[in-house]
Amino acid sequence: MLSHYIQAQSHHESMSHGSLIFTPGPGEPPPLPPLIERLRGIGFLGAPLEQGGFLVGERFMQLVSFMGCSPFLQLEPPADGSDRFCRILFDGPLPRPRVHPDRSGRPPRCPHCRGAVSEWRERFKGEGEIACRHCGGVQTLDSLDWGRYAGAGRLFMEVREIYPGDGTPSDTLLACLQDAGTGWHWFWHGGGSPSAIDRL
């Protein structure tokens, strides 16, 4: 049944305002069922949705901070059947890293020397890892520094309908994720098609 709640949405949803996305660091992603239970335990995840994903939990607004004193978020499915409401979706675990690229075209950086890896699309096609042209450090897609508006990984947790630049995870939420696996990266992704990602 768990697979019903993972990425069942990607083929039929409309344009999104944007998302807050989390992905674990390089290596084997943590198992999804225990991760989901942890997130339910802290009140981040709510009830599962028939079309895939989860409603936000009862402590969502304490676990994610928003700009302004009273942000408007649609937390329940609208009466008109629209999918424009805040919910949480999972994609993965995947056999190889997938990229949500920066919509401005800004490239990722080598985490060692901070050099820009501007040719990442070409260099990673068919390759699992590459050597940084600036310092020689060996990198995988999910070990690069993508900043706050892009990311790469083999597992994604996406909070849909969050404007880029708004919504910052709390220390409690990040600690819960860290307990479930290796260092997590979070980032905002701009509105558009939910499947606007690079599958190299």
N, C-alpha and C. Protein backbone atom coordinates (compact mmCIF):
# COMPACT_ATOMS: atom_id res chain seq x y z
N MET A 1 0.82 -1.22 0.00
CA MET A 1 0.00 0.00 0.00
C MET A 1 0.85 1.26 0.00
N LEU A 2 2.06 1.19 0.58
CA LEU A 2 2.89 2.38 0.69
C LEU A 2 3.17 2.99 -0.67
N SER A 3 3.37 2.13 -1.69
CA SER A 3 3.72 2.65 -3.01
C SER A 3 2.63 3.55 -3.57
N HIS A 4 1.39 3.41 -3.10
CA HIS A 4 0.30 4.26 -3.57
C HIS A 4 0.55 5.72 -3.20
N TYR A 5 1.29 5.98 -2.14
CA TYR A 5 1.49 7.33 -1.65
C TYR A 5 2.80 7.94 -2.15
N ILE A 6 3.48 7.27 -3.07
CA ILE A 6 4.76 7.75 -3.58
C ILE A 6 4.63 8.14 -5.04
N GLN A 7 4.73 9.43 -5.31
CA GLN A 7 4.81 9.95 -6.68
C GLN A 7 3.67 9.47 -7.55
N ALA A 8 2.49 9.18 -6.98
CA ALA A 8 1.33 8.84 -7.80
C ALA A 8 0.78 10.06 -8.51
N GLN A 9 1.27 11.24 -8.11
CA GLN A 9 0.71 12.48 -8.61
C GLN A 9 1.34 12.99 -9.89
N SER A 10 2.48 12.48 -10.30
CA SER A 10 3.29 13.17 -11.29
C SER A 10 2.67 13.21 -12.69
N HIS A 11 1.71 12.35 -12.99
CA HIS A 11 1.21 12.28 -14.35
C HIS A 11 -0.07 13.09 -14.56
N HIS A 12 -0.66 13.60 -13.50
CA HIS A 12 -1.95 14.23 -13.72
C HIS A 12 -2.14 15.55 -12.99
N GLU A 13 -1.14 16.07 -12.29
CA GLU A 13 -1.34 17.30 -11.56
C GLU A 13 -1.05 18.51 -12.43
N SER A 14 -1.63 19.63 -12.07
CA SER A 14 -1.46 20.87 -12.82
C SER A 14 -0.23 21.61 -12.35
N MET A 15 -0.05 22.81 -12.89
CA MET A 15 1.09 23.63 -12.53
C MET A 15 1.07 23.95 -11.03
N SER A 16 2.25 24.00 -10.44
CA SER A 16 2.37 24.25 -9.01
C SER A 16 2.95 25.63 -8.76
N HIS A 17 2.58 26.24 -7.62
CA HIS A 17 3.18 27.51 -7.22
C HIS A 17 4.66 27.35 -6.87
N GLY A 18 5.03 26.20 -6.39
CA GLY A 18 6.39 25.96 -5.95
C GLY A 18 6.40 24.94 -4.83
N SER A 19 7.59 24.57 -4.41
CA SER A 19 7.73 23.50 -3.42
C SER A 19 8.92 23.74 -2.51
N LEU A 20 8.84 23.16 -1.32
CA LEU A 20 9.96 23.03 -0.40
C LEU A 20 10.33 21.54 -0.44
N ILE A 21 11.57 21.24 -0.83
CA ILE A 21 11.97 19.85 -1.09
C ILE A 21 13.14 19.46 -0.20
N PHE A 22 13.12 18.23 0.28
CA PHE A 22 14.18 17.66 1.11
C PHE A 22 14.72 16.41 0.42
N THR A 23 16.05 16.23 0.49
CA THR A 23 16.66 15.02 -0.07
C THR A 23 17.87 14.63 0.79
N PRO A 24 18.08 13.33 1.03
CA PRO A 24 19.23 12.92 1.84
C PRO A 24 20.53 13.03 1.05
N GLY A 25 21.64 13.00 1.76
CA GLY A 25 22.96 13.11 1.15
C GLY A 25 23.32 11.90 0.33
N PRO A 26 24.55 11.89 -0.22
CA PRO A 26 24.98 10.79 -1.09
C PRO A 26 24.92 9.44 -0.38
N GLY A 27 24.79 8.40 -1.19
CA GLY A 27 24.73 7.05 -0.63
C GLY A 27 23.33 6.48 -0.67
N GLU A 28 23.17 5.36 -0.02
CA GLU A 28 21.88 4.67 0.00
C GLU A 28 20.85 5.48 0.77
N PRO A 29 19.69 5.79 0.17
CA PRO A 29 18.67 6.55 0.90
C PRO A 29 18.11 5.73 2.06
N PRO A 30 17.62 6.40 3.10
CA PRO A 30 17.02 5.67 4.21
C PRO A 30 15.73 4.97 3.76
N PRO A 31 15.38 3.86 4.39
CA PRO A 31 14.12 3.17 4.04
C PRO A 31 12.93 4.10 4.27
N LEU A 32 11.99 4.07 3.36
CA LEU A 32 10.87 5.01 3.43
C LEU A 32 9.87 4.72 4.55
N PRO A 33 9.46 3.47 4.80
CA PRO A 33 8.45 3.26 5.86
C PRO A 33 8.86 3.79 7.23
N PRO A 34 10.10 3.53 7.73
CA PRO A 34 10.47 4.10 9.03
C PRO A 34 10.54 5.62 9.01
N LEU A 35 10.96 6.19 7.87
CA LEU A 35 11.02 7.65 7.76
C LEU A 35 9.63 8.25 7.87
N ILE A 36 8.68 7.65 7.19
CA ILE A 36 7.29 8.14 7.25
C ILE A 36 6.77 8.06 8.68
N GLU A 37 7.07 6.98 9.36
CA GLU A 37 6.60 6.84 10.75
C GLU A 37 7.23 7.90 11.65
N ARG A 38 8.49 8.20 11.45
CA ARG A 38 9.15 9.26 12.24
C ARG A 38 8.46 10.60 12.02
N LEU A 39 8.18 10.89 10.76
CA LEU A 39 7.56 12.18 10.42
C LEU A 39 6.12 12.26 10.92
N ARG A 40 5.44 11.14 10.94
CA ARG A 40 4.11 11.11 11.56
C ARG A 40 4.21 11.34 13.06
N GLY A 41 5.26 10.76 13.65
CA GLY A 41 5.42 10.85 15.10
C GLY A 41 5.64 12.27 15.60
N ILE A 42 6.25 13.13 14.77
CA ILE A 42 6.45 14.53 15.20
C ILE A 42 5.35 15.46 14.71
N GLY A 43 4.34 14.88 14.04
CA GLY A 43 3.22 15.69 13.58
C GLY A 43 3.44 16.42 12.28
N PHE A 44 4.44 15.98 11.50
CA PHE A 44 4.69 16.63 10.20
C PHE A 44 3.77 16.08 9.12
N LEU A 45 3.55 14.77 9.13
CA LEU A 45 2.67 14.13 8.15
C LEU A 45 1.30 13.91 8.74
N GLY A 46 0.28 14.13 7.91
CA GLY A 46 -1.09 13.86 8.30
C GLY A 46 -1.61 12.61 7.61
N ALA A 47 -2.90 12.61 7.33
CA ALA A 47 -3.55 11.45 6.73
C ALA A 47 -3.09 11.25 5.29
N PRO A 48 -3.01 9.97 4.85
CA PRO A 48 -2.67 9.71 3.45
C PRO A 48 -3.81 10.16 2.52
N LEU A 49 -3.43 10.61 1.34
CA LEU A 49 -4.40 11.06 0.33
C LEU A 49 -4.65 9.95 -0.68
N GLU A 50 -5.88 9.87 -1.16
CA GLU A 50 -6.25 8.84 -2.12
C GLU A 50 -5.44 8.93 -3.40
N GLN A 51 -5.14 10.16 -3.84
CA GLN A 51 -4.42 10.33 -5.10
C GLN A 51 -2.91 10.26 -4.93
N GLY A 52 -2.44 9.98 -3.73
CA GLY A 52 -1.01 9.89 -3.47
C GLY A 52 -0.52 11.01 -2.58
N GLY A 53 0.43 10.71 -1.70
CA GLY A 53 0.96 11.73 -0.80
C GLY A 53 0.17 11.79 0.51
N PHE A 54 0.44 12.85 1.26
CA PHE A 54 -0.15 13.02 2.59
C PHE A 54 -0.61 14.45 2.80
N LEU A 55 -1.65 14.62 3.59
CA LEU A 55 -1.97 15.93 4.13
C LEU A 55 -0.86 16.33 5.11
N VAL A 56 -0.74 17.62 5.37
CA VAL A 56 0.21 18.04 6.40
C VAL A 56 -0.34 17.66 7.77
N GLY A 57 0.57 17.43 8.72
CA GLY A 57 0.18 17.02 10.06
C GLY A 57 -0.20 18.19 10.96
N GLU A 58 -0.61 17.84 12.18
CA GLU A 58 -1.14 18.86 13.11
C GLU A 58 -0.07 19.82 13.60
N ARG A 59 1.21 19.46 13.50
CA ARG A 59 2.28 20.35 13.94
C ARG A 59 3.08 20.94 12.77
N PHE A 60 2.53 20.86 11.59
CA PHE A 60 3.23 21.34 10.40
C PHE A 60 3.64 22.80 10.54
N MET A 61 2.74 23.65 11.04
CA MET A 61 3.03 25.08 11.13
C MET A 61 4.06 25.41 12.19
N GLN A 62 4.32 24.48 13.12
CA GLN A 62 5.40 24.66 14.10
C GLN A 62 6.72 24.12 13.56
N LEU A 63 6.64 23.21 12.60
CA LEU A 63 7.84 22.55 12.07
C LEU A 63 8.41 23.24 10.83
N VAL A 64 7.60 24.10 10.21
CA VAL A 64 8.05 24.91 9.07
C VAL A 64 7.69 26.36 9.37
N SER A 65 8.68 27.26 9.32
CA SER A 65 8.45 28.69 9.59
C SER A 65 8.21 29.42 8.28
N PHE A 66 7.26 30.38 8.32
CA PHE A 66 6.91 31.13 7.12
C PHE A 66 7.13 32.61 7.34
N MET A 67 7.39 33.32 6.24
CA MET A 67 7.56 34.76 6.28
C MET A 67 6.23 35.40 6.65
N GLY A 68 6.27 36.47 7.44
CA GLY A 68 5.05 37.16 7.80
C GLY A 68 4.40 36.52 9.01
N CYS A 69 3.47 37.25 9.60
CA CYS A 69 2.87 36.77 10.85
C CYS A 69 1.71 35.82 10.61
N SER A 70 1.05 35.89 9.44
CA SER A 70 -0.10 35.01 9.21
C SER A 70 -0.15 34.60 7.73
N PRO A 71 0.74 33.68 7.32
CA PRO A 71 0.74 33.26 5.92
C PRO A 71 -0.54 32.50 5.57
N PHE A 72 -1.01 32.67 4.35
CA PHE A 72 -2.18 31.91 3.91
C PHE A 72 -1.71 30.65 3.21
N LEU A 73 -2.10 29.51 3.76
CA LEU A 73 -1.80 28.23 3.13
C LEU A 73 -3.09 27.42 3.07
N GLN A 74 -3.37 26.86 1.92
CA GLN A 74 -4.53 25.97 1.77
C GLN A 74 -4.08 24.59 2.24
N LEU A 75 -4.53 24.18 3.42
CA LEU A 75 -4.04 22.94 4.02
C LEU A 75 -4.96 21.75 3.79
N GLU A 76 -6.14 21.98 3.25
CA GLU A 76 -7.09 20.91 2.97
C GLU A 76 -7.44 20.93 1.48
N PRO A 77 -7.83 19.79 0.91
CA PRO A 77 -8.25 19.79 -0.50
C PRO A 77 -9.43 20.72 -0.71
N PRO A 78 -9.37 21.62 -1.70
CA PRO A 78 -10.47 22.55 -1.95
C PRO A 78 -11.74 21.82 -2.38
N ALA A 79 -12.87 22.46 -2.13
CA ALA A 79 -14.17 21.87 -2.47
C ALA A 79 -14.34 21.69 -3.97
N ASP A 80 -13.62 22.50 -4.77
CA ASP A 80 -13.77 22.40 -6.22
C ASP A 80 -12.95 21.27 -6.84
N GLY A 81 -12.25 20.51 -6.00
CA GLY A 81 -11.46 19.39 -6.49
C GLY A 81 -10.08 19.75 -7.01
N SER A 82 -9.71 21.02 -6.89
CA SER A 82 -8.40 21.47 -7.36
C SER A 82 -7.28 20.80 -6.54
N ASP A 83 -6.11 20.67 -7.16
CA ASP A 83 -4.95 20.13 -6.43
C ASP A 83 -4.06 21.23 -5.89
N ARG A 84 -4.55 22.47 -5.85
CA ARG A 84 -3.75 23.59 -5.36
C ARG A 84 -3.89 23.70 -3.85
N PHE A 85 -3.33 22.74 -3.14
CA PHE A 85 -3.32 22.79 -1.69
C PHE A 85 -2.01 22.18 -1.19
N CYS A 86 -1.63 22.55 0.00
CA CYS A 86 -0.36 22.14 0.59
C CYS A 86 -0.44 20.66 1.00
N ARG A 87 0.48 19.86 0.49
CA ARG A 87 0.52 18.44 0.82
C ARG A 87 1.95 17.95 0.64
N ILE A 88 2.20 16.74 1.10
CA ILE A 88 3.56 16.21 1.14
C ILE A 88 3.64 14.95 0.31
N LEU A 89 4.60 14.92 -0.61
CA LEU A 89 4.76 13.83 -1.56
C LEU A 89 6.15 13.24 -1.44
N PHE A 90 6.26 11.95 -1.75
CA PHE A 90 7.56 11.28 -1.75
C PHE A 90 7.86 10.73 -3.14
N ASP A 91 9.11 10.81 -3.54
CA ASP A 91 9.56 10.26 -4.82
C ASP A 91 10.84 9.47 -4.56
N GLY A 92 10.79 8.17 -4.76
CA GLY A 92 11.95 7.33 -4.54
C GLY A 92 11.67 6.26 -3.49
N PRO A 93 12.72 5.54 -3.08
CA PRO A 93 14.12 5.65 -3.49
C PRO A 93 14.33 5.31 -4.98
N LEU A 94 15.29 6.02 -5.58
CA LEU A 94 15.58 5.88 -7.00
C LEU A 94 16.91 5.17 -7.20
N PRO A 95 17.10 4.48 -8.33
CA PRO A 95 18.36 3.75 -8.55
C PRO A 95 19.56 4.65 -8.76
N ARG A 96 19.33 5.90 -9.22
CA ARG A 96 20.44 6.84 -9.43
C ARG A 96 19.94 8.25 -9.15
N PRO A 97 20.84 9.19 -8.86
CA PRO A 97 20.40 10.54 -8.51
C PRO A 97 19.61 11.21 -9.63
N ARG A 98 18.64 11.99 -9.22
CA ARG A 98 17.82 12.80 -10.12
C ARG A 98 18.01 14.26 -9.70
N VAL A 99 17.89 15.17 -10.65
CA VAL A 99 18.19 16.59 -10.40
C VAL A 99 16.94 17.45 -10.55
N HIS A 100 16.70 18.30 -9.58
CA HIS A 100 15.77 19.42 -9.71
C HIS A 100 16.65 20.64 -9.93
N PRO A 101 16.87 21.06 -11.19
CA PRO A 101 17.85 22.12 -11.45
C PRO A 101 17.34 23.50 -11.06
N ASP A 102 18.28 24.40 -10.84
CA ASP A 102 17.97 25.81 -10.56
C ASP A 102 17.35 26.42 -11.82
N ARG A 103 16.17 27.00 -11.69
CA ARG A 103 15.47 27.54 -12.85
C ARG A 103 16.15 28.79 -13.41
N SER A 104 17.04 29.39 -12.64
CA SER A 104 17.77 30.55 -13.16
C SER A 104 18.97 30.13 -13.99
N GLY A 105 19.28 28.83 -13.99
CA GLY A 105 20.44 28.35 -14.73
C GLY A 105 21.73 28.36 -13.93
N ARG A 106 21.66 28.74 -12.64
CA ARG A 106 22.86 28.79 -11.81
C ARG A 106 23.40 27.38 -11.61
N PRO A 107 24.69 27.12 -11.87
CA PRO A 107 25.22 25.76 -11.74
C PRO A 107 25.54 25.39 -10.29
N PRO A 108 25.65 24.09 -10.02
CA PRO A 108 26.10 23.67 -8.70
C PRO A 108 27.58 23.95 -8.52
N ARG A 109 28.05 23.82 -7.27
CA ARG A 109 29.46 24.08 -6.97
C ARG A 109 30.11 22.85 -6.33
N CYS A 110 31.40 22.74 -6.55
CA CYS A 110 32.18 21.71 -5.89
C CYS A 110 32.20 22.02 -4.40
N PRO A 111 31.86 21.07 -3.53
CA PRO A 111 31.85 21.36 -2.10
C PRO A 111 33.23 21.56 -1.50
N HIS A 112 34.28 21.17 -2.22
CA HIS A 112 35.64 21.30 -1.70
C HIS A 112 36.25 22.66 -2.03
N CYS A 113 36.21 23.04 -3.32
CA CYS A 113 36.90 24.27 -3.73
C CYS A 113 35.94 25.40 -4.09
N ARG A 114 34.63 25.11 -4.10
CA ARG A 114 33.58 26.08 -4.42
C ARG A 114 33.58 26.48 -5.90
N GLY A 115 34.33 25.77 -6.75
CA GLY A 115 34.32 26.05 -8.18
C GLY A 115 33.00 25.65 -8.81
N ALA A 116 32.51 26.45 -9.76
CA ALA A 116 31.25 26.16 -10.43
C ALA A 116 31.41 24.96 -11.37
N VAL A 117 30.44 24.04 -11.32
CA VAL A 117 30.43 22.88 -12.23
C VAL A 117 29.38 23.19 -13.30
N SER A 118 29.74 24.10 -14.20
CA SER A 118 28.77 24.64 -15.16
C SER A 118 28.36 23.64 -16.23
N GLU A 119 29.19 22.63 -16.47
CA GLU A 119 28.91 21.66 -17.53
C GLU A 119 28.37 20.35 -16.96
N TRP A 120 27.68 20.42 -15.82
CA TRP A 120 27.27 19.19 -15.12
C TRP A 120 26.37 18.29 -15.97
N ARG A 121 25.49 18.87 -16.77
CA ARG A 121 24.60 18.03 -17.60
C ARG A 121 25.40 17.15 -18.55
N GLU A 122 26.33 17.76 -19.26
CA GLU A 122 27.12 17.02 -20.24
C GLU A 122 28.05 16.01 -19.57
N ARG A 123 28.69 16.41 -18.49
CA ARG A 123 29.72 15.57 -17.87
C ARG A 123 29.13 14.37 -17.13
N PHE A 124 27.90 14.50 -16.62
CA PHE A 124 27.33 13.40 -15.85
C PHE A 124 26.53 12.42 -16.71
N LYS A 125 26.30 12.72 -17.97
CA LYS A 125 25.55 11.79 -18.81
C LYS A 125 26.30 10.47 -18.92
N GLY A 126 25.68 9.42 -18.39
CA GLY A 126 26.30 8.09 -18.44
C GLY A 126 27.40 7.88 -17.43
N GLU A 127 27.70 8.88 -16.60
CA GLU A 127 28.77 8.76 -15.62
C GLU A 127 28.18 8.85 -14.21
N GLY A 128 28.69 8.01 -13.31
CA GLY A 128 28.24 8.07 -11.93
C GLY A 128 28.95 9.14 -11.13
N GLU A 129 30.21 9.44 -11.52
CA GLU A 129 30.97 10.46 -10.82
C GLU A 129 31.95 11.13 -11.78
N ILE A 130 32.36 12.33 -11.43
CA ILE A 130 33.31 13.09 -12.25
C ILE A 130 34.35 13.73 -11.34
N ALA A 131 35.46 14.15 -11.92
CA ALA A 131 36.48 14.90 -11.18
C ALA A 131 36.26 16.38 -11.42
N CYS A 132 36.29 17.17 -10.36
CA CYS A 132 36.15 18.62 -10.47
C CYS A 132 37.31 19.16 -11.32
N ARG A 133 37.00 20.01 -12.28
CA ARG A 133 38.04 20.57 -13.16
C ARG A 133 38.88 21.63 -12.45
N HIS A 134 38.42 22.10 -11.30
CA HIS A 134 39.16 23.12 -10.57
C HIS A 134 40.16 22.51 -9.58
N CYS A 135 39.68 21.47 -8.83
CA CYS A 135 40.55 20.93 -7.77
C CYS A 135 40.81 19.44 -7.90
N GLY A 136 40.10 18.77 -8.81
CA GLY A 136 40.32 17.33 -8.99
C GLY A 136 39.52 16.45 -8.08
N GLY A 137 38.76 17.04 -7.13
CA GLY A 137 37.95 16.25 -6.21
C GLY A 137 36.86 15.48 -6.95
N VAL A 138 36.67 14.21 -6.58
CA VAL A 138 35.68 13.36 -7.23
C VAL A 138 34.31 13.63 -6.63
N GLN A 139 33.32 13.87 -7.50
CA GLN A 139 31.98 14.23 -7.05
C GLN A 139 30.92 13.38 -7.76
N THR A 140 29.83 13.15 -7.05
CA THR A 140 28.62 12.60 -7.66
C THR A 140 27.59 13.73 -7.75
N LEU A 141 26.54 13.50 -8.50
CA LEU A 141 25.51 14.53 -8.64
C LEU A 141 24.98 14.99 -7.29
N ASP A 142 24.76 14.03 -6.39
CA ASP A 142 24.15 14.38 -5.10
C ASP A 142 25.16 14.82 -4.05
N SER A 143 26.46 14.87 -4.41
CA SER A 143 27.44 15.41 -3.46
C SER A 143 27.79 16.86 -3.79
N LEU A 144 27.36 17.37 -4.95
CA LEU A 144 27.60 18.77 -5.29
C LEU A 144 26.78 19.70 -4.42
N ASP A 145 27.22 20.93 -4.30
CA ASP A 145 26.48 21.94 -3.54
C ASP A 145 25.54 22.67 -4.52
N TRP A 146 24.25 22.41 -4.38
CA TRP A 146 23.25 22.96 -5.30
C TRP A 146 22.63 24.26 -4.79
N GLY A 147 22.97 24.68 -3.59
CA GLY A 147 22.38 25.90 -3.06
C GLY A 147 20.96 25.69 -2.57
N ARG A 148 20.22 26.79 -2.44
CA ARG A 148 18.88 26.73 -1.87
C ARG A 148 17.77 26.71 -2.91
N TYR A 149 18.13 26.66 -4.20
CA TYR A 149 17.09 26.66 -5.23
C TYR A 149 17.24 25.50 -6.21
N ALA A 150 17.94 24.44 -5.79
CA ALA A 150 18.11 23.26 -6.62
C ALA A 150 18.60 22.12 -5.73
N GLY A 151 18.54 20.90 -6.25
CA GLY A 151 19.02 19.77 -5.48
C GLY A 151 19.06 18.51 -6.32
N ALA A 152 19.81 17.53 -5.84
CA ALA A 152 19.92 16.23 -6.50
C ALA A 152 19.91 15.15 -5.44
N GLY A 153 19.30 14.03 -5.75
CA GLY A 153 19.26 12.94 -4.78
C GLY A 153 18.53 11.73 -5.34
N ARG A 154 18.45 10.71 -4.49
CA ARG A 154 17.77 9.47 -4.87
C ARG A 154 16.44 9.30 -4.12
N LEU A 155 16.14 10.25 -3.25
CA LEU A 155 14.86 10.25 -2.54
C LEU A 155 14.47 11.70 -2.30
N PHE A 156 13.22 12.04 -2.57
CA PHE A 156 12.76 13.41 -2.37
C PHE A 156 11.48 13.41 -1.54
N MET A 157 11.43 14.33 -0.60
CA MET A 157 10.19 14.63 0.12
C MET A 157 9.81 16.06 -0.25
N GLU A 158 8.68 16.23 -0.89
CA GLU A 158 8.28 17.51 -1.44
C GLU A 158 7.04 18.05 -0.74
N VAL A 159 7.14 19.27 -0.23
CA VAL A 159 5.98 19.97 0.33
C VAL A 159 5.47 20.88 -0.78
N ARG A 160 4.34 20.52 -1.37
CA ARG A 160 3.83 21.24 -2.53
C ARG A 160 3.07 22.49 -2.14
N GLU A 161 3.08 23.47 -3.03
CA GLU A 161 2.39 24.75 -2.89
C GLU A 161 3.03 25.65 -1.82
N ILE A 162 4.36 25.70 -1.82
CA ILE A 162 5.13 26.62 -1.00
C ILE A 162 5.89 27.54 -1.95
N TYR A 163 5.70 28.83 -1.82
CA TYR A 163 6.41 29.76 -2.70
C TYR A 163 7.91 29.71 -2.44
N PRO A 164 8.73 29.69 -3.51
CA PRO A 164 10.19 29.72 -3.33
C PRO A 164 10.61 30.93 -2.49
N GLY A 165 11.48 30.66 -1.51
CA GLY A 165 11.92 31.71 -0.60
C GLY A 165 11.10 31.78 0.67
N ASP A 166 9.97 31.09 0.69
CA ASP A 166 9.13 31.05 1.89
C ASP A 166 9.16 29.62 2.44
N GLY A 167 8.93 29.47 3.72
CA GLY A 167 8.92 28.14 4.31
C GLY A 167 10.32 27.65 4.61
N THR A 168 10.71 27.69 5.87
CA THR A 168 12.04 27.25 6.31
C THR A 168 11.88 26.17 7.36
N PRO A 169 12.53 25.01 7.20
CA PRO A 169 12.35 23.93 8.17
C PRO A 169 12.93 24.28 9.53
N SER A 170 12.26 23.81 10.57
CA SER A 170 12.73 24.04 11.94
C SER A 170 13.85 23.07 12.29
N ASP A 171 14.56 23.36 13.37
CA ASP A 171 15.61 22.46 13.85
C ASP A 171 15.03 21.10 14.22
N THR A 172 13.81 21.08 14.74
CA THR A 172 13.16 19.82 15.12
C THR A 172 12.94 18.93 13.91
N LEU A 173 12.44 19.51 12.83
CA LEU A 173 12.20 18.74 11.61
C LEU A 173 13.53 18.24 11.03
N LEU A 174 14.53 19.10 10.98
CA LEU A 174 15.82 18.69 10.43
C LEU A 174 16.47 17.60 11.28
N ALA A 175 16.32 17.69 12.59
CA ALA A 175 16.88 16.66 13.48
C ALA A 175 16.20 15.32 13.25
N CYS A 176 14.89 15.35 13.02
CA CYS A 176 14.15 14.11 12.72
C CYS A 176 14.67 13.47 11.45
N LEU A 177 14.92 14.28 10.43
CA LEU A 177 15.45 13.75 9.18
C LEU A 177 16.88 13.22 9.35
N GLN A 178 17.69 13.97 10.08
CA GLN A 178 19.08 13.53 10.30
C GLN A 178 19.12 12.20 11.03
N ASP A 179 18.20 11.99 11.97
CA ASP A 179 18.15 10.73 12.70
C ASP A 179 17.80 9.55 11.79
N ALA A 180 17.12 9.86 10.67
CA ALA A 180 16.67 8.80 9.77
C ALA A 180 17.71 8.44 8.71
N GLY A 181 18.74 9.27 8.54
CA GLY A 181 19.73 8.97 7.51
C GLY A 181 20.80 10.04 7.42
N THR A 182 21.62 9.95 6.38
CA THR A 182 22.75 10.87 6.22
C THR A 182 22.29 12.29 5.98
N GLY A 183 23.22 13.25 6.13
CA GLY A 183 22.91 14.68 6.07
C GLY A 183 21.96 15.08 4.97
N TRP A 184 20.88 15.73 5.33
CA TRP A 184 19.85 16.11 4.37
C TRP A 184 20.08 17.52 3.84
N HIS A 185 19.70 17.72 2.59
CA HIS A 185 19.72 19.03 1.94
C HIS A 185 18.27 19.45 1.70
N TRP A 186 17.96 20.72 1.94
CA TRP A 186 16.62 21.21 1.61
C TRP A 186 16.74 22.41 0.68
N PHE A 187 15.74 22.59 -0.14
CA PHE A 187 15.78 23.68 -1.11
C PHE A 187 14.36 24.01 -1.57
N TRP A 188 14.24 25.22 -2.11
CA TRP A 188 12.97 25.62 -2.73
C TRP A 188 13.06 25.37 -4.22
N HIS A 189 11.93 25.03 -4.81
CA HIS A 189 11.90 24.86 -6.26
C HIS A 189 10.73 25.64 -6.83
N GLY A 190 11.00 26.34 -7.94
CA GLY A 190 10.01 27.25 -8.49
C GLY A 190 8.77 26.55 -9.04
N GLY A 191 7.72 27.33 -9.25
CA GLY A 191 6.48 26.80 -9.79
C GLY A 191 6.67 26.27 -11.20
N GLY A 192 5.72 25.48 -11.63
CA GLY A 192 5.80 24.88 -12.96
C GLY A 192 5.37 23.44 -12.90
N SER A 193 5.69 22.70 -13.93
CA SER A 193 5.32 21.29 -13.95
C SER A 193 6.05 20.54 -12.86
N PRO A 194 5.34 19.68 -12.09
CA PRO A 194 6.02 18.92 -11.04
C PRO A 194 7.03 17.92 -11.58
N SER A 195 6.96 17.62 -12.88
CA SER A 195 7.92 16.67 -13.43
C SER A 195 9.04 17.36 -14.19
N ALA A 196 9.22 18.71 -13.97
CA ALA A 196 10.27 19.45 -14.65
C ALA A 196 11.61 19.20 -13.95
N ILE A 197 12.13 17.98 -14.13
CA ILE A 197 13.37 17.57 -13.49
C ILE A 197 14.26 16.91 -14.52
N ASP A 198 15.53 16.82 -14.24
CA ASP A 198 16.48 16.21 -15.14
C ASP A 198 16.70 14.76 -14.74
N ARG A 199 16.38 13.85 -15.64
CA ARG A 199 16.68 12.43 -15.44
C ARG A 199 17.85 12.09 -16.35
N LEU A 200 19.03 12.17 -15.85
CA LEU A 200 20.22 11.96 -16.69
C LEU A 200 20.39 10.48 -17.01
